[in-house]
Amino acid sequence: MITTCNDYSEDSLIEQPAIELFHELGWETANFFYEKFGENGTLGRETSSEVVLILRLRATLVRLNLDLLSPKLISGEVDIGIIRSKYEC
């Protein structure tokens, strides 16, 4: 990525290089600038301050822990939710 002298923005200096690095590492990225919030929202978040994507977390916990009982998975999700809530503004 080439930055021109007229483009010293957070997007060009921080966000785009980070996105490029994530792609190089094989991560999936997406632009959710116009994300819709709520139950039927884009990512299932209520607000932008929710940094843990619970729907994706739940699916990943099930996939990685197929031998665990559901209550244990839910407990892990709640524990992460409690940790997350300490950092919400």
N, C-alpha and C. Protein backbone atom coordinates (compact mmCIF):
# COMPACT_ATOMS: atom_id res chain seq x y z
N MET A 1 0.84 -1.18 0.00
CA MET A 1 0.00 0.00 0.00
C MET A 1 0.89 1.24 0.00
N ILE A 2 0.61 2.16 -0.88
CA ILE A 2 1.37 3.40 -0.99
C ILE A 2 0.52 4.53 -0.42
N THR A 3 1.12 5.31 0.47
CA THR A 3 0.42 6.44 1.07
C THR A 3 0.94 7.72 0.44
N THR A 4 0.02 8.55 -0.03
CA THR A 4 0.41 9.84 -0.61
C THR A 4 0.49 10.87 0.51
N CYS A 5 1.16 12.01 0.23
CA CYS A 5 1.28 13.02 1.27
C CYS A 5 -0.07 13.62 1.65
N ASN A 6 -1.08 13.48 0.83
CA ASN A 6 -2.40 14.01 1.14
C ASN A 6 -3.25 13.00 1.91
N ASP A 7 -2.72 11.81 2.16
CA ASP A 7 -3.54 10.76 2.76
C ASP A 7 -2.96 10.26 4.08
N TYR A 8 -2.76 11.16 5.03
CA TYR A 8 -2.26 10.79 6.34
C TYR A 8 -3.45 10.64 7.30
N SER A 9 -4.30 9.66 7.00
CA SER A 9 -5.49 9.44 7.82
C SER A 9 -5.32 8.14 8.62
N GLU A 10 -6.16 7.97 9.61
CA GLU A 10 -6.15 6.74 10.40
C GLU A 10 -6.43 5.54 9.50
N ASP A 11 -7.33 5.73 8.54
CA ASP A 11 -7.66 4.64 7.61
C ASP A 11 -6.44 4.19 6.82
N SER A 12 -5.72 5.14 6.22
CA SER A 12 -4.59 4.76 5.36
C SER A 12 -3.36 4.34 6.15
N LEU A 13 -3.15 4.90 7.33
CA LEU A 13 -1.94 4.61 8.09
C LEU A 13 -2.08 3.44 9.07
N ILE A 14 -3.31 3.15 9.51
CA ILE A 14 -3.50 2.10 10.53
C ILE A 14 -4.45 1.01 10.05
N GLU A 15 -5.67 1.41 9.68
CA GLU A 15 -6.68 0.40 9.37
C GLU A 15 -6.34 -0.44 8.14
N GLN A 16 -6.01 0.20 7.03
CA GLN A 16 -5.74 -0.56 5.81
C GLN A 16 -4.51 -1.47 5.93
N PRO A 17 -3.38 -1.01 6.53
CA PRO A 17 -2.26 -1.93 6.73
C PRO A 17 -2.61 -3.10 7.64
N ALA A 18 -3.44 -2.86 8.67
CA ALA A 18 -3.85 -3.94 9.57
C ALA A 18 -4.72 -4.95 8.82
N ILE A 19 -5.64 -4.47 8.01
CA ILE A 19 -6.50 -5.35 7.21
C ILE A 19 -5.65 -6.18 6.25
N GLU A 20 -4.68 -5.54 5.63
CA GLU A 20 -3.78 -6.24 4.70
C GLU A 20 -3.01 -7.34 5.44
N LEU A 21 -2.53 -7.05 6.64
CA LEU A 21 -1.82 -8.04 7.44
C LEU A 21 -2.73 -9.21 7.80
N PHE A 22 -3.95 -8.91 8.20
CA PHE A 22 -4.90 -9.98 8.53
C PHE A 22 -5.13 -10.89 7.33
N HIS A 23 -5.25 -10.32 6.15
CA HIS A 23 -5.41 -11.12 4.92
C HIS A 23 -4.20 -12.02 4.71
N GLU A 24 -3.01 -11.47 4.91
CA GLU A 24 -1.78 -12.26 4.75
C GLU A 24 -1.74 -13.42 5.74
N LEU A 25 -2.32 -13.24 6.92
CA LEU A 25 -2.35 -14.28 7.94
C LEU A 25 -3.50 -15.27 7.73
N GLY A 26 -4.31 -15.03 6.69
CA GLY A 26 -5.42 -15.92 6.39
C GLY A 26 -6.70 -15.62 7.16
N TRP A 27 -6.79 -14.47 7.78
CA TRP A 27 -7.98 -14.09 8.52
C TRP A 27 -9.03 -13.52 7.57
N GLU A 28 -10.27 -13.70 7.95
CA GLU A 28 -11.39 -13.12 7.21
C GLU A 28 -11.65 -11.72 7.76
N THR A 29 -11.77 -10.74 6.90
CA THR A 29 -12.08 -9.37 7.33
C THR A 29 -13.33 -8.89 6.62
N ALA A 30 -13.98 -7.90 7.20
CA ALA A 30 -15.18 -7.33 6.60
C ALA A 30 -15.33 -5.90 7.08
N ASN A 31 -15.97 -5.09 6.28
CA ASN A 31 -16.23 -3.70 6.63
C ASN A 31 -17.66 -3.60 7.16
N PHE A 32 -17.79 -3.31 8.45
CA PHE A 32 -19.11 -3.19 9.06
C PHE A 32 -19.37 -1.76 9.52
N PHE A 33 -18.89 -0.81 8.73
CA PHE A 33 -19.12 0.59 9.06
C PHE A 33 -20.62 0.90 9.15
N TYR A 34 -21.40 0.26 8.29
CA TYR A 34 -22.86 0.48 8.27
C TYR A 34 -23.60 -0.68 8.93
N GLU A 35 -22.98 -1.30 9.93
CA GLU A 35 -23.58 -2.43 10.64
C GLU A 35 -24.92 -2.05 11.25
N LYS A 36 -25.86 -2.98 11.18
CA LYS A 36 -27.16 -2.81 11.83
C LYS A 36 -27.11 -3.59 13.14
N PHE A 37 -27.63 -3.01 14.22
CA PHE A 37 -27.59 -3.63 15.53
C PHE A 37 -28.94 -4.21 15.91
N GLY A 38 -28.95 -5.07 16.91
CA GLY A 38 -30.18 -5.68 17.40
C GLY A 38 -30.25 -7.16 17.05
N GLU A 39 -31.35 -7.77 17.42
CA GLU A 39 -31.53 -9.21 17.26
C GLU A 39 -31.33 -9.67 15.82
N ASN A 40 -31.81 -8.92 14.87
CA ASN A 40 -31.66 -9.29 13.46
C ASN A 40 -30.58 -8.46 12.77
N GLY A 41 -29.64 -7.97 13.56
CA GLY A 41 -28.57 -7.13 13.03
C GLY A 41 -27.55 -7.92 12.24
N THR A 42 -26.61 -7.22 11.70
CA THR A 42 -25.58 -7.79 10.84
C THR A 42 -24.79 -8.88 11.54
N LEU A 43 -24.32 -8.60 12.76
CA LEU A 43 -23.49 -9.55 13.51
C LEU A 43 -24.16 -10.07 14.78
N GLY A 44 -25.38 -9.63 15.04
CA GLY A 44 -26.09 -10.08 16.24
C GLY A 44 -25.72 -9.31 17.49
N ARG A 45 -25.05 -8.16 17.32
CA ARG A 45 -24.69 -7.34 18.48
C ARG A 45 -25.79 -6.34 18.76
N GLU A 46 -25.94 -5.99 20.05
CA GLU A 46 -26.91 -4.96 20.43
C GLU A 46 -26.33 -3.56 20.21
N THR A 47 -25.04 -3.40 20.50
CA THR A 47 -24.37 -2.11 20.35
C THR A 47 -22.95 -2.33 19.82
N SER A 48 -22.31 -1.27 19.40
CA SER A 48 -20.94 -1.36 18.89
C SER A 48 -19.94 -1.65 20.01
N SER A 49 -20.33 -1.48 21.26
CA SER A 49 -19.41 -1.75 22.37
C SER A 49 -19.28 -3.23 22.68
N GLU A 50 -20.12 -4.07 22.10
CA GLU A 50 -20.02 -5.52 22.29
C GLU A 50 -18.93 -6.06 21.36
N VAL A 51 -17.77 -6.34 21.92
CA VAL A 51 -16.64 -6.77 21.10
C VAL A 51 -16.61 -8.27 20.88
N VAL A 52 -17.30 -9.04 21.71
CA VAL A 52 -17.37 -10.49 21.54
C VAL A 52 -18.61 -10.81 20.73
N LEU A 53 -18.41 -11.51 19.61
CA LEU A 53 -19.54 -11.89 18.76
C LEU A 53 -20.10 -13.21 19.29
N ILE A 54 -21.11 -13.12 20.15
CA ILE A 54 -21.62 -14.28 20.87
C ILE A 54 -22.09 -15.38 19.92
N LEU A 55 -22.76 -15.04 18.83
CA LEU A 55 -23.23 -16.07 17.90
C LEU A 55 -22.07 -16.87 17.32
N ARG A 56 -21.01 -16.18 16.94
CA ARG A 56 -19.83 -16.88 16.40
C ARG A 56 -19.09 -17.62 17.49
N LEU A 57 -19.04 -17.04 18.68
CA LEU A 57 -18.39 -17.69 19.81
C LEU A 57 -19.10 -19.01 20.13
N ARG A 58 -20.41 -18.97 20.21
CA ARG A 58 -21.18 -20.18 20.53
C ARG A 58 -20.94 -21.27 19.49
N ALA A 59 -20.99 -20.91 18.21
CA ALA A 59 -20.77 -21.90 17.15
C ALA A 59 -19.36 -22.48 17.23
N THR A 60 -18.38 -21.66 17.53
CA THR A 60 -16.99 -22.13 17.63
C THR A 60 -16.81 -23.02 18.85
N LEU A 61 -17.42 -22.65 19.99
CA LEU A 61 -17.33 -23.49 21.18
C LEU A 61 -17.92 -24.87 20.92
N VAL A 62 -19.04 -24.92 20.25
CA VAL A 62 -19.66 -26.21 19.92
C VAL A 62 -18.75 -27.01 19.00
N ARG A 63 -18.19 -26.36 17.98
CA ARG A 63 -17.33 -27.05 17.01
C ARG A 63 -16.06 -27.59 17.67
N LEU A 64 -15.46 -26.83 18.57
CA LEU A 64 -14.20 -27.23 19.18
C LEU A 64 -14.36 -28.16 20.37
N ASN A 65 -15.53 -28.19 20.95
CA ASN A 65 -15.76 -28.98 22.17
C ASN A 65 -16.95 -29.91 22.01
N LEU A 66 -16.94 -30.70 20.97
CA LEU A 66 -18.08 -31.57 20.67
C LEU A 66 -18.39 -32.55 21.80
N ASP A 67 -17.40 -32.90 22.61
CA ASP A 67 -17.63 -33.88 23.67
C ASP A 67 -18.14 -33.26 24.97
N LEU A 68 -18.17 -31.93 25.07
CA LEU A 68 -18.65 -31.28 26.29
C LEU A 68 -20.17 -31.13 26.25
N LEU A 69 -20.76 -31.14 27.41
CA LEU A 69 -22.20 -30.95 27.51
C LEU A 69 -22.54 -29.48 27.29
N SER A 70 -23.71 -29.24 26.77
CA SER A 70 -24.14 -27.88 26.46
C SER A 70 -24.05 -26.91 27.64
N PRO A 71 -24.46 -27.30 28.87
CA PRO A 71 -24.35 -26.34 29.98
C PRO A 71 -22.93 -25.85 30.21
N LYS A 72 -21.94 -26.71 29.98
CA LYS A 72 -20.56 -26.29 30.15
C LYS A 72 -20.19 -25.25 29.10
N LEU A 73 -20.68 -25.45 27.90
CA LEU A 73 -20.41 -24.46 26.84
C LEU A 73 -21.06 -23.13 27.19
N ILE A 74 -22.29 -23.20 27.64
CA ILE A 74 -23.01 -21.98 28.00
C ILE A 74 -22.30 -21.28 29.15
N SER A 75 -21.80 -22.03 30.11
CA SER A 75 -21.07 -21.46 31.23
C SER A 75 -19.84 -20.70 30.74
N GLY A 76 -19.11 -21.28 29.80
CA GLY A 76 -17.95 -20.61 29.22
C GLY A 76 -18.34 -19.32 28.54
N GLU A 77 -19.47 -19.35 27.86
CA GLU A 77 -19.95 -18.15 27.18
C GLU A 77 -20.31 -17.07 28.19
N VAL A 78 -20.96 -17.46 29.28
CA VAL A 78 -21.33 -16.49 30.31
C VAL A 78 -20.08 -15.92 30.96
N ASP A 79 -19.08 -16.76 31.24
CA ASP A 79 -17.84 -16.26 31.83
C ASP A 79 -17.20 -15.21 30.94
N ILE A 80 -17.16 -15.47 29.64
CA ILE A 80 -16.58 -14.50 28.72
C ILE A 80 -17.43 -13.23 28.70
N GLY A 81 -18.76 -13.39 28.78
CA GLY A 81 -19.64 -12.23 28.82
C GLY A 81 -19.41 -11.37 30.06
N ILE A 82 -19.12 -12.00 31.18
CA ILE A 82 -18.86 -11.26 32.41
C ILE A 82 -17.55 -10.49 32.27
N ILE A 83 -16.53 -11.14 31.73
CA ILE A 83 -15.25 -10.47 31.50
C ILE A 83 -15.46 -9.29 30.55
N ARG A 84 -16.22 -9.53 29.48
CA ARG A 84 -16.46 -8.48 28.49
C ARG A 84 -17.15 -7.29 29.13
N SER A 85 -18.13 -7.53 29.99
CA SER A 85 -18.90 -6.43 30.56
C SER A 85 -18.05 -5.51 31.43
N LYS A 86 -16.94 -6.00 31.96
CA LYS A 86 -16.06 -5.17 32.78
C LYS A 86 -15.39 -4.07 31.96
N TYR A 87 -15.27 -4.31 30.64
CA TYR A 87 -14.56 -3.37 29.79
C TYR A 87 -15.48 -2.50 28.94
N GLU A 88 -16.77 -2.72 29.02
CA GLU A 88 -17.71 -1.91 28.24
C GLU A 88 -17.84 -0.54 28.87
N CYS A 89 -17.95 0.47 28.05
CA CYS A 89 -18.10 1.85 28.54
C CYS A 89 -19.54 2.24 28.59
